[in-house]
PDB file of N, CA and C in Angstrom:
ATOM      1  N   MET A   1     111.919 153.142 113.026  1.00  0.00           N
ATOM      2  CA  MET A   1     112.558 153.106 111.869  1.00  0.00           C
ATOM      3  C   MET A   1     113.099 151.767 111.426  1.00  0.00           C
ATOM      4  N   THR A   2     112.766 151.287 110.421  1.00  0.00           N
ATOM      5  CA  THR A   2     113.052 150.009 109.738  1.00  0.00           C
ATOM      6  C   THR A   2     113.774 150.212 108.326  1.00  0.00           C
ATOM      7  N   PRO A   3     114.475 149.303 107.880  1.00  0.00           N
ATOM      8  CA  PRO A   3     115.114 149.367 106.583  1.00  0.00           C
ATOM      9  C   PRO A   3     114.092 149.863 105.497  1.00  0.00           C
ATOM     10  N   SER A   4     112.976 149.300 105.526  1.00  0.00           N
ATOM     11  CA  SER A   4     111.965 149.629 104.535  1.00  0.00           C
ATOM     12  C   SER A   4     111.522 151.037 104.571  1.00  0.00           C
ATOM     13  N   THR A   5     111.402 151.561 105.784  1.00  0.00           N
ATOM     14  CA  THR A   5     110.978 152.981 105.888  1.00  0.00           C
ATOM     15  C   THR A   5     112.129 153.930 105.528  1.00  0.00           C
ATOM     16  N   VAL A   6     113.182 153.475 105.732  1.00  0.00           N
ATOM     17  CA  VAL A   6     114.295 154.405 105.159  1.00  0.00           C
ATOM     18  C   VAL A   6     114.504 154.249 103.704  1.00  0.00           C
ATOM     19  N   ARG A   7     114.340 153.174 103.215  1.00  0.00           N
ATOM     20  CA  ARG A   7     114.298 152.977 101.774  1.00  0.00           C
ATOM     21  C   ARG A   7     113.266 153.847 101.231  1.00  0.00           C
ATOM     22  N   ASP A   8     112.005 153.910 101.623  1.00  0.00           N
ATOM     23  CA  ASP A   8     110.951 154.747 101.066  1.00  0.00           C
ATOM     24  C   ASP A   8     111.308 155.956 101.194  1.00  0.00           C
ATOM     25  N   TYR A   9     111.876 156.607 102.400  1.00  0.00           N
ATOM     26  CA  TYR A   9     112.267 157.960 102.594  1.00  0.00           C
ATOM     27  C   TYR A   9     113.242 158.413 101.488  1.00  0.00           C
ATOM     28  N   MET A  10     114.341 157.589 101.303  1.00  0.00           N
ATOM     29  CA  MET A  10     115.418 157.865 100.281  1.00  0.00           C
ATOM     30  C   MET A  10     114.732 157.738  98.938  1.00  0.00           C
ATOM     31  N   ARG A  11     113.980 156.913  98.667  1.00  0.00           N
ATOM     32  CA  ARG A  11     113.468 156.768  97.318  1.00  0.00           C
ATOM     33  C   ARG A  11     112.653 158.107  97.015  1.00  0.00           C
ATOM     34  N   GLU A  12     111.845 158.498  97.906  1.00  0.00           N
ATOM     35  CA  GLU A  12     111.214 159.847  97.796  1.00  0.00           C
ATOM     36  C   GLU A  12     111.986 160.948  97.592  1.00  0.00           C
ATOM     37  N   ARG A  13     113.016 161.241  98.396  1.00  0.00           N
ATOM     38  CA  ARG A  13     113.907 162.207  98.676  1.00  0.00           C
ATOM     39  C   ARG A  13     115.021 162.421  97.276  1.00  0.00           C
ATOM     40  N   GLY A  14     115.368 161.139  97.096  1.00  0.00           N
ATOM     41  CA  GLY A  14     116.585 161.092  96.129  1.00  0.00           C
ATOM     42  C   GLY A  14     117.869 161.017  96.711  1.00  0.00           C
ATOM     43  N   ASN A  15     118.238 162.229  97.482  1.00  0.00           N
ATOM     44  CA  ASN A  15     119.362 162.059  98.504  1.00  0.00           C
ATOM     45  C   ASN A  15     118.998 162.975  99.621  1.00  0.00           C
ATOM     46  N   ALA A  16     119.848 162.653 100.719  1.00  0.00           N
ATOM     47  CA  ALA A  16     119.761 163.134 102.054  1.00  0.00           C
ATOM     48  C   ALA A  16     120.941 162.995 102.741  1.00  0.00           C
ATOM     49  N   SER A  17     121.156 164.011 103.633  1.00  0.00           N
ATOM     50  CA  SER A  17     122.272 163.902 104.630  1.00  0.00           C
ATOM     51  C   SER A  17     121.903 162.877 105.690  1.00  0.00           C
ATOM     52  N   LEU A  18     122.974 162.284 106.349  1.00  0.00           N
ATOM     53  CA  LEU A  18     122.787 161.465 107.437  1.00  0.00           C
ATOM     54  C   LEU A  18     122.201 162.183 108.500  1.00  0.00           C
ATOM     55  N   ALA A  19     122.515 163.449 108.826  1.00  0.00           N
ATOM     56  CA  ALA A  19     121.682 164.193 109.789  1.00  0.00           C
ATOM     57  C   ALA A  19     120.267 164.436 109.384  1.00  0.00           C
ATOM     58  N   ASP A  20     119.914 164.660 108.192  1.00  0.00           N
ATOM     59  CA  ASP A  20     118.540 164.721 107.765  1.00  0.00           C
ATOM     60  C   ASP A  20     117.659 163.554 108.084  1.00  0.00           C
ATOM     61  N   VAL A  21     118.330 162.352 107.691  1.00  0.00           N
ATOM     62  CA  VAL A  21     117.595 161.096 107.961  1.00  0.00           C
ATOM     63  C   VAL A  21     117.448 160.861 109.304  1.00  0.00           C
ATOM     64  N   ALA A  22     118.465 161.170 110.128  1.00  0.00           N
ATOM     65  CA  ALA A  22     118.280 160.943 111.653  1.00  0.00           C
ATOM     66  C   ALA A  22     117.262 161.900 112.285  1.00  0.00           C
ATOM     67  N   LEU A  23     117.242 162.967 111.812  1.00  0.00           N
ATOM     68  CA  LEU A  23     116.176 163.976 112.308  1.00  0.00           C
ATOM     69  C   LEU A  23     114.807 163.534 111.999  1.00  0.00           C
ATOM     70  N   HIS A  24     114.526 163.109 110.621  1.00  0.00           N
ATOM     71  CA  HIS A  24     113.341 162.628 110.006  1.00  0.00           C
ATOM     72  C   HIS A  24     112.741 161.459 110.997  1.00  0.00           C
ATOM     73  N   PHE A  25     113.653 160.548 111.366  1.00  0.00           N
ATOM     74  CA  PHE A  25     113.241 159.364 111.987  1.00  0.00           C
ATOM     75  C   PHE A  25     113.375 159.531 113.611  1.00  0.00           C
ATOM     76  N   ASP A  26     113.936 160.704 114.021  1.00  0.00           N
ATOM     77  CA  ASP A  26     114.064 160.959 115.371  1.00  0.00           C
ATOM     78  C   ASP A  26     114.928 159.770 116.013  1.00  0.00           C
ATOM     79  N   ALA A  27     116.154 159.553 115.163  1.00  0.00           N
ATOM     80  CA  ALA A  27     117.018 158.476 115.594  1.00  0.00           C
ATOM     81  C   ALA A  27     118.372 158.958 115.741  1.00  0.00           C
ATOM     82  N   ALA A  28     119.285 158.067 116.449  1.00  0.00           N
ATOM     83  CA  ALA A  28     120.791 158.355 116.550  1.00  0.00           C
ATOM     84  C   ALA A  28     121.421 158.193 115.024  1.00  0.00           C
ATOM     85  N   GLU A  29     122.283 159.132 114.812  1.00  0.00           N
ATOM     86  CA  GLU A  29     123.026 159.091 113.519  1.00  0.00           C
ATOM     87  C   GLU A  29     123.618 157.654 113.341  1.00  0.00           C
ATOM     88  N   ASP A  30     124.248 156.983 114.391  1.00  0.00           N
ATOM     89  CA  ASP A  30     124.969 155.716 114.333  1.00  0.00           C
ATOM     90  C   ASP A  30     123.884 154.575 113.873  1.00  0.00           C
ATOM     91  N   ALA A  31     122.595 154.700 114.380  1.00  0.00           N
ATOM     92  CA  ALA A  31     121.622 153.773 113.997  1.00  0.00           C
ATOM     93  C   ALA A  31     121.133 154.021 112.637  1.00  0.00           C
ATOM     94  N   VAL A  32     121.159 155.199 112.211  1.00  0.00           N
ATOM     95  CA  VAL A  32     120.661 155.488 110.781  1.00  0.00           C
ATOM     96  C   VAL A  32     121.944 154.996 109.880  1.00  0.00           C
ATOM     97  N   ARG A  33     123.061 155.384 110.108  1.00  0.00           N
ATOM     98  CA  ARG A  33     124.212 154.970 109.411  1.00  0.00           C
ATOM     99  C   ARG A  33     124.211 153.440 109.064  1.00  0.00           C
ATOM    100  N   ALA A  34     123.828 152.672 110.257  1.00  0.00           N
ATOM    101  CA  ALA A  34     123.662 151.140 109.975  1.00  0.00           C
ATOM    102  C   ALA A  34     122.770 150.756 109.070  1.00  0.00           C
ATOM    103  N   VAL A  35     121.616 151.289 109.052  1.00  0.00           N
ATOM    104  CA  VAL A  35     120.552 151.062 108.002  1.00  0.00           C
ATOM    105  C   VAL A  35     121.003 151.536 106.645  1.00  0.00           C
ATOM    106  N   LEU A  36     121.485 152.708 106.484  1.00  0.00           N
ATOM    107  CA  LEU A  36     122.017 153.140 105.210  1.00  0.00           C
ATOM    108  C   LEU A  36     122.989 152.412 104.700  1.00  0.00           C
ATOM    109  N   ASP A  37     123.924 151.835 105.557  1.00  0.00           N
ATOM    110  CA  ASP A  37     125.064 150.938 105.084  1.00  0.00           C
ATOM    111  C   ASP A  37     124.561 149.575 104.518  1.00  0.00           C
ATOM    112  N   LEU A  38     123.428 149.165 105.136  1.00  0.00           N
ATOM    113  CA  LEU A  38     122.779 147.857 104.611  1.00  0.00           C
ATOM    114  C   LEU A  38     122.486 148.144 103.189  1.00  0.00           C
ATOM    115  N   TRP A  39     121.764 149.269 102.907  1.00  0.00           N
ATOM    116  CA  TRP A  39     121.453 149.737 101.632  1.00  0.00           C
ATOM    117  C   TRP A  39     122.525 149.875 100.613  1.00  0.00           C
ATOM    118  N   VAL A  40     123.505 150.398 101.112  1.00  0.00           N
ATOM    119  CA  VAL A  40     124.738 150.747 100.431  1.00  0.00           C
ATOM    120  C   VAL A  40     125.365 149.287  99.955  1.00  0.00           C
ATOM    121  N   ALA A  41     125.466 148.334 100.825  1.00  0.00           N
ATOM    122  CA  ALA A  41     125.920 147.004 100.603  1.00  0.00           C
ATOM    123  C   ALA A  41     124.996 146.336  99.529  1.00  0.00           C
ATOM    124  N   LYS A  42     123.784 146.460  99.366  1.00  0.00           N
ATOM    125  CA  LYS A  42     122.708 145.986  98.382  1.00  0.00           C
ATOM    126  C   LYS A  42     122.835 146.714  97.193  1.00  0.00           C
ATOM    127  N   GLY A  43     123.543 148.048  97.054  1.00  0.00           N
ATOM    128  CA  GLY A  43     123.776 148.557  95.870  1.00  0.00           C
ATOM    129  C   GLY A  43     122.481 149.559  95.560  1.00  0.00           C
ATOM    130  N   LYS A  44     121.791 149.879  96.514  1.00  0.00           N
ATOM    131  CA  LYS A  44     120.613 150.584  96.332  1.00  0.00           C
ATOM    132  C   LYS A  44     120.902 152.188  96.717  1.00  0.00           C
ATOM    133  N   ILE A  45     121.765 152.439  97.645  1.00  0.00           N
ATOM    134  CA  ILE A  45     122.219 153.690  97.952  1.00  0.00           C
ATOM    135  C   ILE A  45     123.681 153.828  97.911  1.00  0.00           C
ATOM    136  N   ARG A  46     124.099 155.055  97.464  1.00  0.00           N
ATOM    137  CA  ARG A  46     125.554 155.250  97.504  1.00  0.00           C
ATOM    138  C   ARG A  46     125.777 156.555  98.293  1.00  0.00           C
ATOM    139  N   PRO A  47     126.959 156.554  98.928  1.00  0.00           N
ATOM    140  CA  PRO A  47     127.428 157.712  99.589  1.00  0.00           C
ATOM    141  C   PRO A  47     127.918 158.622  98.526  1.00  0.00           C
ATOM    142  N   LEU A  48     127.715 159.921  98.599  1.00  0.00           N
ATOM    143  CA  LEU A  48     128.190 160.880  97.766  1.00  0.00           C
ATOM    144  C   LEU A  48     129.563 161.590  98.591  1.00  0.00           C
ATOM    145  N   ALA A  49     130.200 162.359  98.020  1.00  0.00           N
ATOM    146  CA  ALA A  49     131.448 163.036  98.512  1.00  0.00           C
ATOM    147  C   ALA A  49     130.759 163.980  99.619  1.00  0.00           C
ATOM    148  N   ALA A  50     131.357 164.086 100.657  1.00  0.00           N
ATOM    149  CA  ALA A  50     130.765 164.752 101.936  1.00  0.00           C
ATOM    150  C   ALA A  50     130.640 166.099 101.565  1.00  0.00           C
ATOM    151  N   GLY A  51     129.659 166.912 102.205  1.00  0.00           N
ATOM    152  CA  GLY A  51     129.578 168.269 101.963  1.00  0.00           C
ATOM    153  C   GLY A  51     130.625 169.082 102.673  1.00  0.00           C
ATOM    154  N   ALA A  52     130.690 170.200 102.308  1.00  0.00           N
ATOM    155  CA  ALA A  52     131.756 171.102 103.049  1.00  0.00           C
ATOM    156  C   ALA A  52     131.594 171.397 104.377  1.00  0.00           C
ATOM    157  N   ALA A  53     132.722 171.361 105.100  1.00  0.00           N
ATOM    158  CA  ALA A  53     132.735 171.635 106.594  1.00  0.00           C
ATOM    159  C   ALA A  53     133.103 173.068 106.623  1.00  0.00           C
ATOM    160  N   CYS A  54     133.331 173.499 107.869  1.00  0.00           N
ATOM    161  CA  CYS A  54     133.679 174.922 108.182  1.00  0.00           C
ATOM    162  C   CYS A  54     134.975 175.159 107.441  1.00  0.00           C
ATOM    163  N   SER A  55     134.945 176.332 106.753  1.00  0.00           N
ATOM    164  CA  SER A  55     136.303 176.773 105.970  1.00  0.00           C
ATOM    165  C   SER A  55     137.403 176.873 106.838  1.00  0.00           C
ATOM    166  N   ARG A  56     137.158 177.118 108.170  1.00  0.00           N
ATOM    167  CA  ARG A  56     138.368 177.384 109.032  1.00  0.00           C
ATOM    168  C   ARG A  56     139.044 176.165 109.456  1.00  0.00           C
ATOM    169  N   VAL A  57     138.461 175.004 109.181  1.00  0.00           N
ATOM    170  CA  VAL A  57     139.129 173.588 109.331  1.00  0.00           C
ATOM    171  C   VAL A  57     139.422 173.520 110.994  1.00  0.00           C
ATOM    172  N   GLY A  58     138.237 173.797 111.676  1.00  0.00           N
ATOM    173  CA  GLY A  58     138.371 173.720 113.140  1.00  0.00           C
ATOM    174  C   GLY A  58     139.010 174.588 113.949  1.00  0.00           C
ATOM    175  N   SER A  59     139.691 175.644 113.242  1.00  0.00           N
ATOM    176  CA  SER A  59     140.437 176.786 113.986  1.00  0.00           C
ATOM    177  C   SER A  59     139.335 177.763 114.597  1.00  0.00           C
ATOM    178  N   CYS A  60     138.090 177.665 114.150  1.00  0.00           N
ATOM    179  CA  CYS A  60     137.218 178.517 114.720  1.00  0.00           C
ATOM    180  C   CYS A  60     136.566 178.138 116.014  1.00  0.00           C
ATOM    181  N   GLY A  61     136.922 176.918 116.512  1.00  0.00           N
ATOM    182  CA  GLY A  61     136.443 176.386 117.718  1.00  0.00           C
ATOM    183  C   GLY A  61     135.060 175.616 117.669  1.00  0.00           C
ATOM    184  N   CYS A  62     134.624 175.750 116.550  1.00  0.00           N
ATOM    185  CA  CYS A  62     133.322 175.076 116.368  1.00  0.00           C
ATOM    186  C   CYS A  62     133.477 173.492 116.312  1.00  0.00           C
ATOM    187  N   SER A  63     132.383 172.815 116.368  1.00  0.00           N
ATOM    188  CA  SER A  63     132.462 171.474 116.278  1.00  0.00           C
ATOM    189  C   SER A  63     131.780 170.999 114.852  1.00  0.00           C
ATOM    190  N   CYS A  64     131.917 171.851 113.857  1.00  0.00           N
ATOM    191  CA  CYS A  64     131.452 171.566 112.598  1.00  0.00           C
ATOM    192  C   CYS A  64     132.209 170.286 111.921  1.00  0.00           C
ATOM    193  N   LYS A  65     131.593 169.629 111.083  1.00  0.00           N
ATOM    194  CA  LYS A  65     132.266 168.614 110.220  1.00  0.00           C
ATOM    195  C   LYS A  65     131.551 168.409 109.013  1.00  0.00           C
ATOM    196  N   ALA A  66     132.187 167.768 108.048  1.00  0.00           N
ATOM    197  CA  ALA A  66     131.537 167.652 106.715  1.00  0.00           C
ATOM    198  C   ALA A  66     130.239 166.636 106.855  1.00  0.00           C
ATOM    199  N   GLU A  67     129.298 167.029 106.176  1.00  0.00           N
ATOM    200  CA  GLU A  67     128.057 166.285 106.194  1.00  0.00           C
ATOM    201  C   GLU A  67     128.229 165.001 105.316  1.00  0.00           C
ATOM    202  N   GLU A  68     127.640 163.860 105.735  1.00  0.00           N
ATOM    203  CA  GLU A  68     127.657 162.581 105.010  1.00  0.00           C
ATOM    204  C   GLU A  68     126.341 162.740 104.178  1.00  0.00           C
ATOM    205  N   ILE A  69     126.448 162.621 102.898  1.00  0.00           N
ATOM    206  CA  ILE A  69     125.363 162.499 102.033  1.00  0.00           C
ATOM    207  C   ILE A  69     125.136 161.268 101.303  1.00  0.00           C
ATOM    208  N   PHE A  70     123.868 160.794 101.200  1.00  0.00           N
ATOM    209  CA  PHE A  70     123.569 159.601 100.500  1.00  0.00           C
ATOM    210  C   PHE A  70     122.630 159.741  99.422  1.00  0.00           C
ATOM    211  N   GLU A  71     122.675 158.999  98.310  1.00  0.00           N
ATOM    212  CA  GLU A  71     121.801 159.051  97.156  1.00  0.00           C
ATOM    213  C   GLU A  71     121.139 157.775  96.911  1.00  0.00           C
ATOM    214  N   TRP A  72     119.921 157.746  96.654  1.00  0.00           N
ATOM    215  CA  TRP A  72     119.200 156.525  96.304  1.00  0.00           C
ATOM    216  C   TRP A  72     119.502 156.319  94.808  1.00  0.00           C
ATOM    217  N   VAL A  73     119.844 155.113  94.469  1.00  0.00           N
ATOM    218  CA  VAL A  73     120.252 154.719  93.110  1.00  0.00           C
ATOM    219  C   VAL A  73     119.613 153.385  92.810  1.00  0.00           C
ATOM    220  N   GLY A  74     118.689 152.820  93.661  1.00  0.00           N
ATOM    221  CA  GLY A  74     118.134 151.402  93.486  1.00  0.00           C
ATOM    222  C   GLY A  74     117.237 151.349  92.325  1.00  0.00           C
ATOM    223  N   ASP A  75     116.393 152.308  92.162  1.00  0.00           N
ATOM    224  CA  ASP A  75     115.365 152.346  91.008  1.00  0.00           C
ATOM    225  C   ASP A  75     114.851 153.837  90.955  1.00  0.00           C
ATOM    226  N   LEU A  76     114.051 154.075  90.173  1.00  0.00           N
ATOM    227  CA  LEU A  76     113.550 155.418  89.963  1.00  0.00           C
ATOM    228  C   LEU A  76     112.917 156.010  91.147  1.00  0.00           C
ATOM    229  N   ARG A  77     113.056 157.254  91.326  1.00  0.00           N
ATOM    230  CA  ARG A  77     112.386 157.940  92.625  1.00  0.00           C
ATOM    231  C   ARG A  77     110.946 157.695  92.554  1.00  0.00           C
ATOM    232  N   LEU A  78     110.274 157.702  93.481  1.00  0.00           N
ATOM    233  CA  LEU A  78     108.816 157.744  93.667  1.00  0.00           C
ATOM    234  C   LEU A  78     108.169 159.018  93.132  1.00  0.00           C
ATOM    235  N   ALA A  79     107.052 158.984  92.468  1.00  0.00           N
ATOM    236  CA  ALA A  79     106.579 160.149  91.991  1.00  0.00           C
ATOM    237  C   ALA A  79     105.844 160.801  93.259  1.00  0.00           C
ATOM    238  N   GLY A  80     105.822 162.019  93.231  1.00  0.00           N
ATOM    239  CA  GLY A  80     105.206 162.598  94.550  1.00  0.00           C
ATOM    240  C   GLY A  80     104.647 163.823  94.220  1.00  0.00           C
TER     241      GLY A  80
END
């Protein structure tokens, strides 16, 4: 996984969760977040409001948390 491969993936998808990007590249979420943060700093990707977590707010005993969603804003999405 390189910054350019993440850029290309995000251009093609338009938006994706941190978990989706990590799964696609078979990489740790912390490593993916570092690359996404690079593109955020360059103004090419922006974080969106986090997706909904479990409605029980942790009282269900699950380890659910809100998804981090990122959107490509650098230029037009690639036609596919």
